[in-house]
N, C-alpha and C. Protein backbone atom coordinates (compact mmCIF):
# COMPACT_ATOMS: atom_id res chain seq x y z
N UNK A 1 -18.80 -24.95 17.00
CA UNK A 1 -18.29 -23.91 16.15
C UNK A 1 -17.87 -22.73 17.03
N UNK A 2 -16.78 -22.07 16.65
CA UNK A 2 -16.28 -20.89 17.36
C UNK A 2 -15.97 -19.81 16.33
N UNK A 3 -15.85 -18.61 16.81
CA UNK A 3 -15.49 -17.48 15.95
C UNK A 3 -14.12 -17.00 16.40
N UNK A 4 -13.14 -17.05 15.48
CA UNK A 4 -11.77 -16.70 15.84
C UNK A 4 -11.27 -15.51 15.03
N UNK A 5 -10.30 -14.84 15.62
CA UNK A 5 -9.57 -13.78 14.96
C UNK A 5 -8.10 -14.14 14.96
N UNK A 6 -7.42 -13.85 13.88
CA UNK A 6 -5.97 -13.93 13.78
C UNK A 6 -5.48 -12.49 13.83
N UNK A 7 -4.73 -12.16 14.86
CA UNK A 7 -4.38 -10.77 15.15
C UNK A 7 -2.87 -10.59 15.15
N UNK A 8 -2.42 -9.47 14.58
CA UNK A 8 -1.03 -9.06 14.65
C UNK A 8 -0.94 -7.76 15.45
N UNK A 9 0.02 -7.68 16.34
CA UNK A 9 0.21 -6.48 17.15
C UNK A 9 1.64 -5.97 17.01
N UNK A 10 1.82 -4.70 17.28
CA UNK A 10 3.14 -4.13 17.50
C UNK A 10 3.21 -3.80 18.98
N UNK A 11 3.73 -4.75 19.75
CA UNK A 11 3.85 -4.59 21.20
C UNK A 11 5.12 -3.80 21.49
N UNK A 12 4.96 -2.70 22.23
CA UNK A 12 6.10 -1.83 22.54
C UNK A 12 6.60 -2.00 23.97
N UNK A 13 5.80 -2.65 24.83
CA UNK A 13 6.22 -2.89 26.20
C UNK A 13 5.69 -4.26 26.63
N UNK A 14 6.58 -5.26 26.63
CA UNK A 14 6.18 -6.63 26.94
C UNK A 14 5.63 -6.79 28.36
N UNK A 15 6.19 -6.09 29.33
CA UNK A 15 5.74 -6.24 30.72
C UNK A 15 4.31 -5.74 30.91
N UNK A 16 4.03 -4.56 30.37
CA UNK A 16 2.67 -4.01 30.51
C UNK A 16 1.69 -4.84 29.70
N UNK A 17 2.12 -5.31 28.51
CA UNK A 17 1.23 -6.16 27.72
C UNK A 17 0.94 -7.47 28.46
N UNK A 18 1.93 -8.01 29.14
CA UNK A 18 1.72 -9.22 29.95
C UNK A 18 0.67 -8.95 31.04
N UNK A 19 0.77 -7.78 31.67
CA UNK A 19 -0.22 -7.41 32.69
C UNK A 19 -1.61 -7.28 32.08
N UNK A 20 -1.69 -6.76 30.87
CA UNK A 20 -2.97 -6.67 30.16
C UNK A 20 -3.58 -8.06 29.99
N UNK A 21 -2.77 -8.99 29.51
CA UNK A 21 -3.27 -10.36 29.30
C UNK A 21 -3.75 -10.98 30.61
N UNK A 22 -2.98 -10.78 31.68
CA UNK A 22 -3.39 -11.33 32.98
C UNK A 22 -4.71 -10.72 33.45
N UNK A 23 -4.88 -9.44 33.23
CA UNK A 23 -6.09 -8.76 33.70
C UNK A 23 -7.32 -9.12 32.89
N UNK A 24 -7.16 -9.31 31.58
CA UNK A 24 -8.34 -9.54 30.74
C UNK A 24 -8.70 -11.00 30.59
N UNK A 25 -7.78 -11.90 30.88
CA UNK A 25 -8.04 -13.33 30.68
C UNK A 25 -9.24 -13.85 31.48
N UNK A 26 -9.43 -13.49 32.76
CA UNK A 26 -10.62 -13.98 33.48
C UNK A 26 -11.92 -13.47 32.84
N UNK A 27 -11.94 -12.25 32.38
CA UNK A 27 -13.12 -11.70 31.72
C UNK A 27 -13.39 -12.44 30.40
N UNK A 28 -12.32 -12.72 29.67
CA UNK A 28 -12.44 -13.48 28.42
C UNK A 28 -13.03 -14.86 28.71
N UNK A 29 -12.54 -15.51 29.74
CA UNK A 29 -13.05 -16.85 30.09
C UNK A 29 -14.52 -16.80 30.50
N UNK A 30 -14.94 -15.72 31.17
CA UNK A 30 -16.35 -15.59 31.59
C UNK A 30 -17.31 -15.61 30.41
N UNK A 31 -16.87 -15.10 29.26
CA UNK A 31 -17.75 -15.08 28.08
C UNK A 31 -17.53 -16.28 27.18
N UNK A 32 -16.69 -17.23 27.62
CA UNK A 32 -16.43 -18.42 26.83
C UNK A 32 -15.33 -18.24 25.80
N UNK A 33 -14.53 -17.18 25.95
CA UNK A 33 -13.44 -16.91 25.02
C UNK A 33 -12.14 -17.59 25.41
N UNK A 34 -11.19 -17.56 24.50
CA UNK A 34 -9.91 -18.24 24.73
C UNK A 34 -8.85 -17.71 23.78
N UNK A 35 -7.59 -17.95 24.12
CA UNK A 35 -6.47 -17.75 23.22
C UNK A 35 -6.08 -19.12 22.68
N UNK A 36 -5.90 -19.22 21.37
CA UNK A 36 -5.54 -20.50 20.77
C UNK A 36 -4.04 -20.65 20.56
N UNK A 37 -3.45 -19.69 19.90
CA UNK A 37 -2.01 -19.67 19.63
C UNK A 37 -1.48 -18.29 19.95
N UNK A 38 -0.20 -18.20 20.27
CA UNK A 38 0.42 -16.92 20.59
C UNK A 38 1.90 -17.00 20.22
N UNK A 39 2.34 -16.09 19.35
CA UNK A 39 3.72 -16.11 18.87
C UNK A 39 4.35 -14.74 18.99
N UNK A 40 5.62 -14.70 19.38
CA UNK A 40 6.44 -13.50 19.23
C UNK A 40 7.14 -13.66 17.89
N UNK A 41 7.07 -12.61 17.06
CA UNK A 41 7.57 -12.67 15.69
C UNK A 41 8.78 -11.77 15.56
N UNK A 42 9.85 -12.28 14.99
CA UNK A 42 11.06 -11.48 14.84
C UNK A 42 11.20 -10.86 13.46
N UNK A 43 10.55 -11.43 12.46
CA UNK A 43 10.70 -10.92 11.10
C UNK A 43 9.41 -11.15 10.32
N UNK A 44 8.95 -10.11 9.64
CA UNK A 44 7.77 -10.21 8.79
C UNK A 44 8.24 -10.14 7.34
N UNK A 45 7.97 -11.17 6.56
CA UNK A 45 8.46 -11.23 5.19
C UNK A 45 7.50 -10.57 4.20
N UNK A 46 6.20 -10.74 4.41
CA UNK A 46 5.19 -10.13 3.55
C UNK A 46 4.10 -9.59 4.46
N UNK A 47 3.64 -8.38 4.16
CA UNK A 47 2.59 -7.78 4.98
C UNK A 47 1.72 -6.88 4.12
N UNK A 48 0.46 -6.80 4.46
CA UNK A 48 -0.48 -5.93 3.75
C UNK A 48 -0.73 -4.64 4.53
N UNK A 49 0.10 -4.39 5.56
CA UNK A 49 -0.01 -3.17 6.35
C UNK A 49 1.38 -2.55 6.50
N UNK A 50 1.39 -1.27 6.77
CA UNK A 50 2.67 -0.59 7.02
C UNK A 50 3.05 -0.68 8.50
N UNK A 51 2.11 -1.14 9.33
CA UNK A 51 2.38 -1.27 10.76
C UNK A 51 3.32 -2.44 11.02
N UNK A 52 4.18 -2.26 11.98
CA UNK A 52 5.06 -3.34 12.40
C UNK A 52 4.23 -4.41 13.12
N UNK A 53 4.59 -5.67 12.96
CA UNK A 53 3.94 -6.78 13.67
C UNK A 53 5.03 -7.60 14.34
N UNK A 54 4.98 -7.68 15.67
CA UNK A 54 5.95 -8.49 16.41
C UNK A 54 5.28 -9.52 17.32
N UNK A 55 3.95 -9.57 17.25
CA UNK A 55 3.19 -10.55 18.04
C UNK A 55 2.00 -10.99 17.20
N UNK A 56 1.77 -12.30 17.10
CA UNK A 56 0.65 -12.85 16.35
C UNK A 56 -0.05 -13.88 17.23
N UNK A 57 -1.38 -13.80 17.28
CA UNK A 57 -2.11 -14.75 18.11
C UNK A 57 -3.51 -14.96 17.56
N UNK A 58 -4.15 -16.03 18.03
CA UNK A 58 -5.56 -16.24 17.75
C UNK A 58 -6.32 -16.05 19.05
N UNK A 59 -7.50 -15.47 18.92
CA UNK A 59 -8.41 -15.30 20.05
C UNK A 59 -9.78 -15.75 19.57
N UNK A 60 -10.45 -16.56 20.37
CA UNK A 60 -11.71 -17.14 19.96
C UNK A 60 -12.84 -16.83 20.92
N UNK A 61 -14.05 -16.89 20.36
CA UNK A 61 -15.28 -16.63 21.10
C UNK A 61 -16.33 -17.64 20.65
N UNK A 62 -17.38 -17.83 21.44
CA UNK A 62 -18.42 -18.76 21.02
C UNK A 62 -19.06 -18.38 19.68
N UNK A 63 -19.16 -17.07 19.41
CA UNK A 63 -19.72 -16.61 18.13
C UNK A 63 -19.34 -15.14 17.94
N UNK A 64 -19.67 -14.60 16.77
CA UNK A 64 -19.30 -13.22 16.44
C UNK A 64 -19.98 -12.21 17.37
N UNK A 65 -21.21 -12.47 17.75
CA UNK A 65 -21.93 -11.55 18.62
C UNK A 65 -21.26 -11.42 19.99
N UNK A 66 -20.78 -12.54 20.53
CA UNK A 66 -20.08 -12.51 21.82
C UNK A 66 -18.78 -11.73 21.67
N UNK A 67 -18.08 -11.93 20.55
CA UNK A 67 -16.84 -11.17 20.29
C UNK A 67 -17.11 -9.68 20.30
N UNK A 68 -18.13 -9.26 19.56
CA UNK A 68 -18.44 -7.84 19.47
C UNK A 68 -18.84 -7.26 20.82
N UNK A 69 -19.61 -8.00 21.59
CA UNK A 69 -20.04 -7.54 22.91
C UNK A 69 -18.85 -7.46 23.87
N UNK A 70 -17.95 -8.43 23.81
CA UNK A 70 -16.80 -8.47 24.72
C UNK A 70 -15.98 -7.19 24.65
N UNK A 71 -15.69 -6.74 23.43
CA UNK A 71 -14.81 -5.59 23.27
C UNK A 71 -15.50 -4.26 23.60
N UNK A 72 -16.78 -4.30 24.00
CA UNK A 72 -17.47 -3.09 24.45
C UNK A 72 -17.82 -3.13 25.94
N UNK A 73 -17.50 -4.24 26.61
CA UNK A 73 -17.77 -4.35 28.04
C UNK A 73 -17.02 -3.26 28.82
N UNK A 74 -17.69 -2.58 29.73
CA UNK A 74 -17.00 -1.54 30.52
C UNK A 74 -15.77 -2.08 31.25
N UNK A 75 -15.85 -3.31 31.78
CA UNK A 75 -14.71 -3.90 32.48
C UNK A 75 -13.53 -4.09 31.52
N UNK A 76 -13.82 -4.54 30.30
CA UNK A 76 -12.75 -4.71 29.31
C UNK A 76 -12.15 -3.36 28.93
N UNK A 77 -13.00 -2.37 28.71
CA UNK A 77 -12.51 -1.05 28.30
C UNK A 77 -11.61 -0.43 29.37
N UNK A 78 -11.90 -0.68 30.64
CA UNK A 78 -11.02 -0.22 31.73
C UNK A 78 -9.66 -0.89 31.65
N UNK A 79 -9.65 -2.21 31.47
CA UNK A 79 -8.40 -2.96 31.36
C UNK A 79 -7.62 -2.48 30.14
N UNK A 80 -8.30 -2.31 29.03
CA UNK A 80 -7.65 -1.83 27.80
C UNK A 80 -7.00 -0.48 28.03
N UNK A 81 -7.72 0.42 28.67
CA UNK A 81 -7.20 1.76 28.92
C UNK A 81 -5.98 1.74 29.83
N UNK A 82 -6.03 0.89 30.84
CA UNK A 82 -4.93 0.83 31.81
C UNK A 82 -3.68 0.17 31.25
N UNK A 83 -3.83 -0.88 30.44
CA UNK A 83 -2.67 -1.66 30.02
C UNK A 83 -2.42 -1.66 28.51
N UNK A 84 -3.46 -1.97 27.73
CA UNK A 84 -3.27 -2.19 26.29
C UNK A 84 -2.77 -0.93 25.59
N UNK A 85 -3.41 0.20 25.85
CA UNK A 85 -3.04 1.42 25.14
C UNK A 85 -1.64 1.90 25.49
N UNK A 86 -1.12 1.47 26.62
CA UNK A 86 0.25 1.84 27.03
C UNK A 86 1.29 0.85 26.52
N UNK A 87 0.87 -0.25 25.93
CA UNK A 87 1.84 -1.28 25.56
C UNK A 87 1.78 -1.72 24.10
N UNK A 88 0.78 -1.25 23.36
CA UNK A 88 0.62 -1.69 21.97
C UNK A 88 0.51 -0.46 21.07
N UNK A 89 1.37 -0.42 20.06
CA UNK A 89 1.37 0.71 19.12
C UNK A 89 0.31 0.55 18.04
N UNK A 90 0.13 -0.68 17.53
CA UNK A 90 -0.86 -0.89 16.46
C UNK A 90 -1.40 -2.31 16.52
N UNK A 91 -2.61 -2.45 15.98
CA UNK A 91 -3.30 -3.73 15.89
C UNK A 91 -3.70 -3.98 14.45
N UNK A 92 -3.42 -5.17 13.96
CA UNK A 92 -3.82 -5.58 12.61
C UNK A 92 -4.66 -6.83 12.71
N UNK A 93 -5.92 -6.75 12.29
CA UNK A 93 -6.75 -7.95 12.22
C UNK A 93 -6.42 -8.62 10.89
N UNK A 94 -5.73 -9.74 10.96
CA UNK A 94 -5.29 -10.46 9.76
C UNK A 94 -6.45 -11.24 9.16
N UNK A 95 -7.26 -11.87 10.01
CA UNK A 95 -8.39 -12.65 9.53
C UNK A 95 -9.40 -12.86 10.64
N UNK A 96 -10.67 -13.06 10.24
CA UNK A 96 -11.75 -13.47 11.14
C UNK A 96 -12.45 -14.64 10.45
N UNK A 97 -12.79 -15.68 11.21
CA UNK A 97 -13.34 -16.88 10.60
C UNK A 97 -14.07 -17.73 11.62
N UNK A 98 -14.98 -18.55 11.13
CA UNK A 98 -15.62 -19.58 11.94
C UNK A 98 -14.71 -20.80 11.95
N UNK A 99 -14.63 -21.45 13.09
CA UNK A 99 -13.73 -22.60 13.23
C UNK A 99 -14.46 -23.72 13.94
N UNK A 100 -14.30 -24.92 13.44
CA UNK A 100 -14.82 -26.11 14.10
C UNK A 100 -13.97 -26.39 15.34
N UNK A 101 -14.59 -26.46 16.49
CA UNK A 101 -13.87 -26.70 17.74
C UNK A 101 -13.91 -28.19 18.03
N UNK A 102 -12.76 -28.73 18.38
CA UNK A 102 -12.65 -30.17 18.67
C UNK A 102 -12.97 -30.48 20.10
């Protein structure tokens, strides 16, 4: 079993966001996390937020506790400050769920 999030972002700088992903991926792997799917979106037909969404992805963790701990790690917060905040205007958590891992 894994704990996944379906996330929508408004990415404003693809290059810096790419650097964010490169920097945080080893840390994500250290805690047993992963990216499942990743899409660039050109048009949103229905939305429950006023924020623009141009990127949709899934991110998974072994469980909810690991997810919560990951996003408070000092190393992650440094990476977020350096790259994420400069490249993403808004974040929308579309869903969180437990998933059977194959």
